[in-house]
Amino acid sequence: MGSLSRRTRVAGYLGSLGGTKTRDAYGASVVIETISQRGNTLVRRLVLEPGMATPWHVDPFHRITVVVRGEALAIEYRSAREPDRVEVIAGQTEWDTPTDRVHRAVNLGASTYEEVAIFFLDRPDAVPQPIIAEARQSNESAT
């Protein structure tokens, strides 16, 4: 994956209920918290400090994402595909479609990235962004 992967620090949780704040050895953090849930609609906040990354995951559900603050993200893929650089601005709103491509987001900016996402789940107990375990990454790399 090139130099992006070597520079990033990864949070270990992308759960659907409750919230978490994870700090790495350098003191940077990732915050993932559920703001609200009603039936199959889940509203969640994500905060990535500079250099932080979400865990490897897939996006099985439609969602609307609103950028609260930030500058740029890299979307890294487990496949050999080059990362996508995405410039963002506060207020930017995107309709995100489901994908089974394993990926993660990395904050490339010099400032904190924050978003609020509204997930349209197929059932109330669905996990909006299932984490793909590191062990599976090794198996995928071997094929």
N, C-alpha and C. Protein backbone atom coordinates (compact mmCIF):
# COMPACT_ATOMS: atom_id res chain seq x y z
N MET A 1 0.80 -1.20 0.00
CA MET A 1 0.00 0.00 0.00
C MET A 1 0.84 1.26 0.00
N GLY A 2 2.12 1.18 -0.06
CA GLY A 2 2.92 2.39 -0.12
C GLY A 2 3.09 3.05 1.24
N SER A 3 3.55 4.29 1.22
CA SER A 3 3.91 4.97 2.45
C SER A 3 2.72 5.36 3.31
N LEU A 4 1.53 5.49 2.74
CA LEU A 4 0.37 5.84 3.56
C LEU A 4 0.14 4.82 4.68
N SER A 5 0.21 3.55 4.35
CA SER A 5 -0.03 2.51 5.34
C SER A 5 1.01 2.53 6.45
N ARG A 6 2.25 2.80 6.13
CA ARG A 6 3.31 2.77 7.15
C ARG A 6 3.20 3.95 8.11
N ARG A 7 2.61 5.07 7.68
CA ARG A 7 2.53 6.25 8.52
C ARG A 7 1.31 6.28 9.40
N THR A 8 0.34 5.43 9.15
CA THR A 8 -0.93 5.55 9.86
C THR A 8 -0.95 4.78 11.16
N ARG A 9 -1.80 5.26 12.05
CA ARG A 9 -2.06 4.58 13.32
C ARG A 9 -3.53 4.19 13.27
N VAL A 10 -3.84 3.00 13.76
CA VAL A 10 -5.17 2.45 13.55
C VAL A 10 -5.95 2.32 14.86
N ALA A 11 -7.22 2.70 14.80
CA ALA A 11 -8.13 2.47 15.92
C ALA A 11 -8.65 1.05 15.83
N GLY A 12 -9.10 0.49 16.94
CA GLY A 12 -9.49 -0.90 16.94
C GLY A 12 -10.98 -1.16 17.06
N TYR A 13 -11.85 -0.20 16.79
CA TYR A 13 -13.27 -0.41 17.00
C TYR A 13 -14.09 0.38 16.00
N LEU A 14 -15.06 -0.27 15.41
CA LEU A 14 -15.98 0.40 14.50
C LEU A 14 -17.37 -0.12 14.79
N GLY A 15 -17.73 -0.27 16.06
CA GLY A 15 -18.98 -0.87 16.48
C GLY A 15 -20.18 -0.01 16.22
N SER A 16 -21.37 -0.58 16.39
CA SER A 16 -22.59 0.13 16.03
C SER A 16 -23.31 0.75 17.22
N LEU A 17 -23.07 0.27 18.43
CA LEU A 17 -23.80 0.81 19.57
C LEU A 17 -22.82 1.35 20.59
N GLY A 18 -23.25 2.36 21.32
CA GLY A 18 -22.37 2.95 22.31
C GLY A 18 -21.31 3.78 21.62
N GLY A 19 -20.17 3.90 22.24
CA GLY A 19 -19.10 4.69 21.66
C GLY A 19 -17.78 4.30 22.25
N THR A 20 -16.73 4.78 21.63
CA THR A 20 -15.41 4.50 22.13
C THR A 20 -14.48 5.62 21.75
N LYS A 21 -13.47 5.81 22.55
CA LYS A 21 -12.38 6.72 22.22
C LYS A 21 -11.11 5.93 22.43
N THR A 22 -10.35 5.76 21.37
CA THR A 22 -9.14 4.98 21.41
C THR A 22 -7.95 5.90 21.23
N ARG A 23 -6.94 5.77 22.07
CA ARG A 23 -5.70 6.57 21.93
C ARG A 23 -4.57 5.62 21.55
N ASP A 24 -3.71 6.10 20.66
CA ASP A 24 -2.55 5.30 20.31
C ASP A 24 -1.36 5.71 21.17
N ALA A 25 -0.21 5.12 20.90
CA ALA A 25 1.00 5.39 21.70
C ALA A 25 1.46 6.84 21.60
N TYR A 26 1.02 7.54 20.56
CA TYR A 26 1.42 8.93 20.36
C TYR A 26 0.40 9.91 20.94
N GLY A 27 -0.69 9.40 21.52
CA GLY A 27 -1.70 10.25 22.12
C GLY A 27 -2.82 10.67 21.17
N ALA A 28 -2.74 10.29 19.88
CA ALA A 28 -3.79 10.62 18.93
C ALA A 28 -4.99 9.71 19.17
N SER A 29 -6.17 10.17 18.81
CA SER A 29 -7.35 9.36 19.11
C SER A 29 -8.32 9.26 17.94
N VAL A 30 -9.17 8.25 18.05
CA VAL A 30 -10.30 8.04 17.16
C VAL A 30 -11.52 7.95 18.06
N VAL A 31 -12.56 8.69 17.72
CA VAL A 31 -13.82 8.62 18.46
C VAL A 31 -14.87 8.11 17.50
N ILE A 32 -15.59 7.08 17.92
CA ILE A 32 -16.72 6.55 17.16
C ILE A 32 -17.86 6.41 18.15
N GLU A 33 -18.92 7.17 17.93
CA GLU A 33 -20.03 7.10 18.88
C GLU A 33 -21.36 7.13 18.17
N THR A 34 -22.28 6.35 18.70
CA THR A 34 -23.65 6.38 18.20
C THR A 34 -24.34 7.56 18.84
N ILE A 35 -24.88 8.43 18.00
CA ILE A 35 -25.60 9.60 18.49
C ILE A 35 -27.06 9.22 18.76
N SER A 36 -27.64 8.43 17.84
CA SER A 36 -29.04 8.05 17.97
C SER A 36 -29.32 6.84 17.10
N GLN A 37 -30.32 6.08 17.50
CA GLN A 37 -30.81 4.99 16.65
C GLN A 37 -32.30 4.87 16.85
N ARG A 38 -33.00 4.78 15.75
CA ARG A 38 -34.44 4.54 15.76
C ARG A 38 -34.73 3.49 14.70
N GLY A 39 -35.09 2.30 15.15
CA GLY A 39 -35.35 1.21 14.20
C GLY A 39 -34.10 0.91 13.39
N ASN A 40 -34.25 0.97 12.07
CA ASN A 40 -33.15 0.62 11.16
C ASN A 40 -32.29 1.83 10.78
N THR A 41 -32.50 2.96 11.40
CA THR A 41 -31.73 4.17 11.09
C THR A 41 -30.79 4.47 12.25
N LEU A 42 -29.50 4.54 11.95
CA LEU A 42 -28.46 4.76 12.95
C LEU A 42 -27.69 6.03 12.59
N VAL A 43 -27.48 6.91 13.57
CA VAL A 43 -26.71 8.13 13.37
C VAL A 43 -25.44 8.00 14.20
N ARG A 44 -24.29 8.16 13.53
CA ARG A 44 -23.02 7.94 14.21
C ARG A 44 -22.02 9.04 13.87
N ARG A 45 -21.19 9.36 14.84
CA ARG A 45 -20.13 10.37 14.71
C ARG A 45 -18.78 9.68 14.67
N LEU A 46 -17.92 10.13 13.77
CA LEU A 46 -16.55 9.62 13.66
C LEU A 46 -15.60 10.80 13.74
N VAL A 47 -14.57 10.69 14.59
CA VAL A 47 -13.53 11.71 14.70
C VAL A 47 -12.18 11.02 14.53
N LEU A 48 -11.39 11.50 13.58
CA LEU A 48 -10.04 10.98 13.34
C LEU A 48 -9.04 12.12 13.49
N GLU A 49 -8.13 11.98 14.41
CA GLU A 49 -7.05 12.96 14.51
C GLU A 49 -6.07 12.73 13.36
N PRO A 50 -5.22 13.71 13.05
CA PRO A 50 -4.27 13.55 11.95
C PRO A 50 -3.46 12.25 12.06
N GLY A 51 -3.36 11.54 10.94
CA GLY A 51 -2.61 10.29 10.90
C GLY A 51 -3.37 9.06 11.35
N MET A 52 -4.53 9.24 11.93
CA MET A 52 -5.30 8.09 12.42
C MET A 52 -6.11 7.46 11.29
N ALA A 53 -6.40 6.17 11.46
CA ALA A 53 -7.15 5.40 10.45
C ALA A 53 -8.25 4.60 11.12
N THR A 54 -9.30 4.37 10.39
CA THR A 54 -10.34 3.44 10.84
C THR A 54 -9.82 2.02 10.63
N PRO A 55 -10.41 1.05 11.29
CA PRO A 55 -10.04 -0.35 11.00
C PRO A 55 -10.47 -0.72 9.56
N TRP A 56 -9.87 -1.76 9.04
CA TRP A 56 -10.29 -2.29 7.74
C TRP A 56 -11.74 -2.75 7.88
N HIS A 57 -12.58 -2.37 6.94
CA HIS A 57 -14.00 -2.71 7.04
C HIS A 57 -14.65 -2.71 5.66
N VAL A 58 -15.91 -3.13 5.63
CA VAL A 58 -16.75 -3.05 4.44
C VAL A 58 -17.96 -2.19 4.78
N ASP A 59 -18.65 -1.72 3.76
CA ASP A 59 -19.83 -0.88 3.93
C ASP A 59 -21.04 -1.56 3.29
N PRO A 60 -21.76 -2.40 4.04
CA PRO A 60 -22.86 -3.15 3.43
C PRO A 60 -24.17 -2.37 3.30
N PHE A 61 -24.23 -1.12 3.81
CA PHE A 61 -25.50 -0.38 3.81
C PHE A 61 -25.34 1.01 3.19
N HIS A 62 -26.44 1.51 2.66
CA HIS A 62 -26.48 2.90 2.20
C HIS A 62 -26.32 3.80 3.40
N ARG A 63 -25.71 4.98 3.16
CA ARG A 63 -25.57 5.96 4.23
C ARG A 63 -25.40 7.35 3.61
N ILE A 64 -25.71 8.35 4.42
CA ILE A 64 -25.44 9.73 4.08
C ILE A 64 -24.39 10.22 5.06
N THR A 65 -23.32 10.81 4.54
CA THR A 65 -22.23 11.29 5.37
C THR A 65 -22.13 12.81 5.24
N VAL A 66 -22.05 13.48 6.38
CA VAL A 66 -21.88 14.94 6.40
C VAL A 66 -20.55 15.24 7.08
N VAL A 67 -19.66 15.94 6.38
CA VAL A 67 -18.37 16.32 6.95
C VAL A 67 -18.59 17.52 7.87
N VAL A 68 -18.12 17.40 9.11
CA VAL A 68 -18.21 18.48 10.08
C VAL A 68 -16.96 19.36 10.00
N ARG A 69 -15.79 18.72 9.87
CA ARG A 69 -14.52 19.44 9.75
C ARG A 69 -13.49 18.48 9.18
N GLY A 70 -12.45 19.03 8.60
CA GLY A 70 -11.38 18.22 8.04
C GLY A 70 -10.85 18.79 6.75
N GLU A 71 -9.82 18.13 6.22
CA GLU A 71 -9.14 18.60 5.01
C GLU A 71 -9.06 17.53 3.93
N ALA A 72 -8.53 16.36 4.29
CA ALA A 72 -8.32 15.32 3.29
C ALA A 72 -8.27 13.94 3.95
N LEU A 73 -8.80 12.96 3.24
CA LEU A 73 -8.74 11.56 3.64
C LEU A 73 -8.09 10.75 2.53
N ALA A 74 -7.45 9.67 2.90
CA ALA A 74 -7.05 8.65 1.93
C ALA A 74 -7.96 7.46 2.18
N ILE A 75 -8.52 6.91 1.13
CA ILE A 75 -9.26 5.66 1.24
C ILE A 75 -8.31 4.59 0.71
N GLU A 76 -7.82 3.78 1.63
CA GLU A 76 -6.89 2.71 1.28
C GLU A 76 -7.67 1.42 1.09
N TYR A 77 -7.21 0.60 0.13
CA TYR A 77 -7.86 -0.67 -0.19
C TYR A 77 -6.91 -1.81 0.08
N ARG A 78 -7.46 -2.94 0.52
CA ARG A 78 -6.61 -4.13 0.76
C ARG A 78 -6.10 -4.70 -0.55
N SER A 79 -6.84 -4.50 -1.61
CA SER A 79 -6.39 -4.99 -2.92
C SER A 79 -5.19 -4.17 -3.36
N ALA A 80 -4.66 -4.47 -4.51
CA ALA A 80 -3.49 -3.77 -5.02
C ALA A 80 -3.83 -2.37 -5.54
N ARG A 81 -5.08 -2.01 -5.51
CA ARG A 81 -5.50 -0.70 -6.01
C ARG A 81 -4.84 0.43 -5.20
N GLU A 82 -4.45 1.49 -5.90
CA GLU A 82 -3.86 2.67 -5.26
C GLU A 82 -4.91 3.36 -4.38
N PRO A 83 -4.48 3.98 -3.28
CA PRO A 83 -5.42 4.71 -2.43
C PRO A 83 -6.04 5.89 -3.18
N ASP A 84 -7.26 6.24 -2.81
CA ASP A 84 -7.92 7.43 -3.34
C ASP A 84 -7.72 8.56 -2.34
N ARG A 85 -7.34 9.73 -2.84
CA ARG A 85 -7.24 10.92 -1.98
C ARG A 85 -8.53 11.69 -2.17
N VAL A 86 -9.19 12.02 -1.04
CA VAL A 86 -10.46 12.73 -1.08
C VAL A 86 -10.31 14.04 -0.31
N GLU A 87 -10.42 15.16 -1.01
CA GLU A 87 -10.41 16.47 -0.36
C GLU A 87 -11.80 16.70 0.22
N VAL A 88 -11.89 17.20 1.45
CA VAL A 88 -13.19 17.42 2.08
C VAL A 88 -13.26 18.84 2.65
N ILE A 89 -14.49 19.33 2.79
CA ILE A 89 -14.73 20.62 3.44
C ILE A 89 -15.95 20.48 4.34
N ALA A 90 -16.01 21.31 5.36
CA ALA A 90 -17.14 21.29 6.29
C ALA A 90 -18.44 21.52 5.52
N GLY A 91 -19.45 20.72 5.83
CA GLY A 91 -20.74 20.82 5.17
C GLY A 91 -20.90 19.92 3.96
N GLN A 92 -19.80 19.35 3.49
CA GLN A 92 -19.86 18.44 2.34
C GLN A 92 -20.74 17.26 2.70
N THR A 93 -21.67 16.92 1.83
CA THR A 93 -22.61 15.82 2.08
C THR A 93 -22.54 14.83 0.93
N GLU A 94 -22.43 13.56 1.25
CA GLU A 94 -22.32 12.51 0.23
C GLU A 94 -23.30 11.39 0.51
N TRP A 95 -23.88 10.84 -0.55
CA TRP A 95 -24.68 9.62 -0.49
C TRP A 95 -23.71 8.49 -0.81
N ASP A 96 -23.47 7.62 0.15
CA ASP A 96 -22.52 6.53 -0.02
C ASP A 96 -23.27 5.23 -0.26
N THR A 97 -22.88 4.53 -1.33
CA THR A 97 -23.53 3.26 -1.66
C THR A 97 -22.76 2.10 -1.04
N PRO A 98 -23.43 0.98 -0.83
CA PRO A 98 -22.76 -0.19 -0.25
C PRO A 98 -21.61 -0.69 -1.12
N THR A 99 -20.61 -1.26 -0.45
CA THR A 99 -19.51 -1.90 -1.16
C THR A 99 -18.97 -3.05 -0.29
N ASP A 100 -18.56 -4.12 -0.96
CA ASP A 100 -17.93 -5.22 -0.23
C ASP A 100 -16.41 -5.16 -0.37
N ARG A 101 -15.88 -4.07 -0.95
CA ARG A 101 -14.44 -3.88 -1.06
C ARG A 101 -13.88 -3.50 0.31
N VAL A 102 -12.89 -4.24 0.79
CA VAL A 102 -12.29 -3.99 2.10
C VAL A 102 -11.41 -2.73 2.00
N HIS A 103 -11.66 -1.78 2.92
CA HIS A 103 -10.96 -0.50 2.87
C HIS A 103 -10.91 0.14 4.26
N ARG A 104 -10.21 1.25 4.34
CA ARG A 104 -10.19 2.05 5.56
C ARG A 104 -9.96 3.51 5.16
N ALA A 105 -10.32 4.42 6.06
CA ALA A 105 -10.10 5.85 5.86
C ALA A 105 -8.95 6.30 6.74
N VAL A 106 -8.08 7.14 6.19
CA VAL A 106 -6.93 7.67 6.91
C VAL A 106 -7.00 9.20 6.83
N ASN A 107 -6.88 9.86 7.96
CA ASN A 107 -6.88 11.32 7.97
C ASN A 107 -5.52 11.82 7.52
N LEU A 108 -5.47 12.42 6.32
CA LEU A 108 -4.23 12.96 5.78
C LEU A 108 -4.00 14.41 6.17
N GLY A 109 -5.03 15.06 6.71
CA GLY A 109 -4.95 16.48 7.01
C GLY A 109 -4.10 16.78 8.23
N ALA A 110 -3.81 18.07 8.39
CA ALA A 110 -3.07 18.54 9.55
C ALA A 110 -4.00 18.82 10.73
N SER A 111 -5.32 18.77 10.48
CA SER A 111 -6.30 19.02 11.54
C SER A 111 -7.22 17.81 11.68
N THR A 112 -8.03 17.82 12.71
CA THR A 112 -8.95 16.73 13.02
C THR A 112 -10.03 16.63 11.94
N TYR A 113 -10.36 15.38 11.58
CA TYR A 113 -11.46 15.10 10.66
C TYR A 113 -12.65 14.63 11.50
N GLU A 114 -13.83 15.14 11.18
CA GLU A 114 -15.04 14.71 11.88
C GLU A 114 -16.18 14.61 10.88
N GLU A 115 -16.99 13.56 11.04
CA GLU A 115 -18.18 13.38 10.20
C GLU A 115 -19.32 12.84 11.03
N VAL A 116 -20.52 13.05 10.53
CA VAL A 116 -21.72 12.42 11.06
C VAL A 116 -22.32 11.62 9.92
N ALA A 117 -22.59 10.34 10.17
CA ALA A 117 -23.15 9.47 9.13
C ALA A 117 -24.49 8.93 9.59
N ILE A 118 -25.42 8.86 8.65
CA ILE A 118 -26.74 8.27 8.88
C ILE A 118 -26.78 6.98 8.07
N PHE A 119 -26.85 5.85 8.77
CA PHE A 119 -26.86 4.53 8.14
C PHE A 119 -28.29 4.03 8.02
N PHE A 120 -28.60 3.43 6.88
CA PHE A 120 -29.91 2.83 6.63
C PHE A 120 -29.73 1.31 6.66
N LEU A 121 -29.89 0.73 7.85
CA LEU A 121 -29.62 -0.69 8.09
C LEU A 121 -30.78 -1.55 7.61
N ASP A 122 -30.54 -2.85 7.48
CA ASP A 122 -31.63 -3.77 7.10
C ASP A 122 -32.36 -4.33 8.32
N ARG A 123 -31.78 -4.13 9.51
CA ARG A 123 -32.41 -4.54 10.77
C ARG A 123 -31.75 -3.75 11.90
N PRO A 124 -32.44 -3.54 13.01
CA PRO A 124 -31.90 -2.70 14.09
C PRO A 124 -30.57 -3.17 14.68
N ASP A 125 -30.30 -4.49 14.68
CA ASP A 125 -29.07 -4.99 15.31
C ASP A 125 -27.92 -5.19 14.30
N ALA A 126 -28.07 -4.71 13.09
CA ALA A 126 -27.02 -4.86 12.07
C ALA A 126 -25.81 -3.99 12.43
N VAL A 127 -24.63 -4.47 12.06
CA VAL A 127 -23.39 -3.71 12.26
C VAL A 127 -23.18 -2.88 10.99
N PRO A 128 -23.13 -1.54 11.12
CA PRO A 128 -23.09 -0.70 9.92
C PRO A 128 -21.82 -0.83 9.09
N GLN A 129 -20.68 -1.10 9.72
CA GLN A 129 -19.41 -1.22 9.02
C GLN A 129 -18.61 -2.36 9.65
N PRO A 130 -18.93 -3.61 9.27
CA PRO A 130 -18.23 -4.75 9.89
C PRO A 130 -16.72 -4.68 9.66
N ILE A 131 -15.99 -4.91 10.75
CA ILE A 131 -14.53 -4.92 10.69
C ILE A 131 -14.07 -6.24 10.09
N ILE A 132 -13.09 -6.16 9.22
CA ILE A 132 -12.50 -7.34 8.62
C ILE A 132 -11.21 -7.62 9.39
N ALA A 133 -11.15 -8.77 10.05
CA ALA A 133 -10.03 -9.11 10.94
C ALA A 133 -8.71 -9.16 10.19
N GLU A 134 -7.62 -8.83 10.91
CA GLU A 134 -6.28 -8.85 10.34
C GLU A 134 -5.91 -10.24 9.81
N ALA A 135 -6.39 -11.30 10.49
CA ALA A 135 -6.08 -12.66 10.04
C ALA A 135 -6.60 -12.88 8.63
N ARG A 136 -7.77 -12.33 8.34
CA ARG A 136 -8.33 -12.47 7.00
C ARG A 136 -7.47 -11.71 5.98
N GLN A 137 -6.86 -10.60 6.38
CA GLN A 137 -6.01 -9.84 5.49
C GLN A 137 -4.86 -10.72 5.02
N SER A 138 -4.25 -11.47 5.91
CA SER A 138 -3.13 -12.34 5.53
C SER A 138 -3.58 -13.38 4.53
N ASN A 139 -4.78 -13.95 4.74
CA ASN A 139 -5.30 -14.94 3.82
C ASN A 139 -5.60 -14.32 2.46
N GLU A 140 -6.15 -13.09 2.43
CA GLU A 140 -6.45 -12.43 1.17
C GLU A 140 -5.18 -12.11 0.41
N SER A 141 -4.12 -11.74 1.11
CA SER A 141 -2.86 -11.39 0.47
C SER A 141 -2.23 -12.60 -0.19
N ALA A 142 -2.47 -13.78 0.37
CA ALA A 142 -1.87 -15.00 -0.13
C ALA A 142 -2.55 -15.50 -1.40
N THR A 143 -3.77 -15.01 -1.68
CA THR A 143 -4.49 -15.51 -2.87
C THR A 143 -4.28 -14.63 -4.06
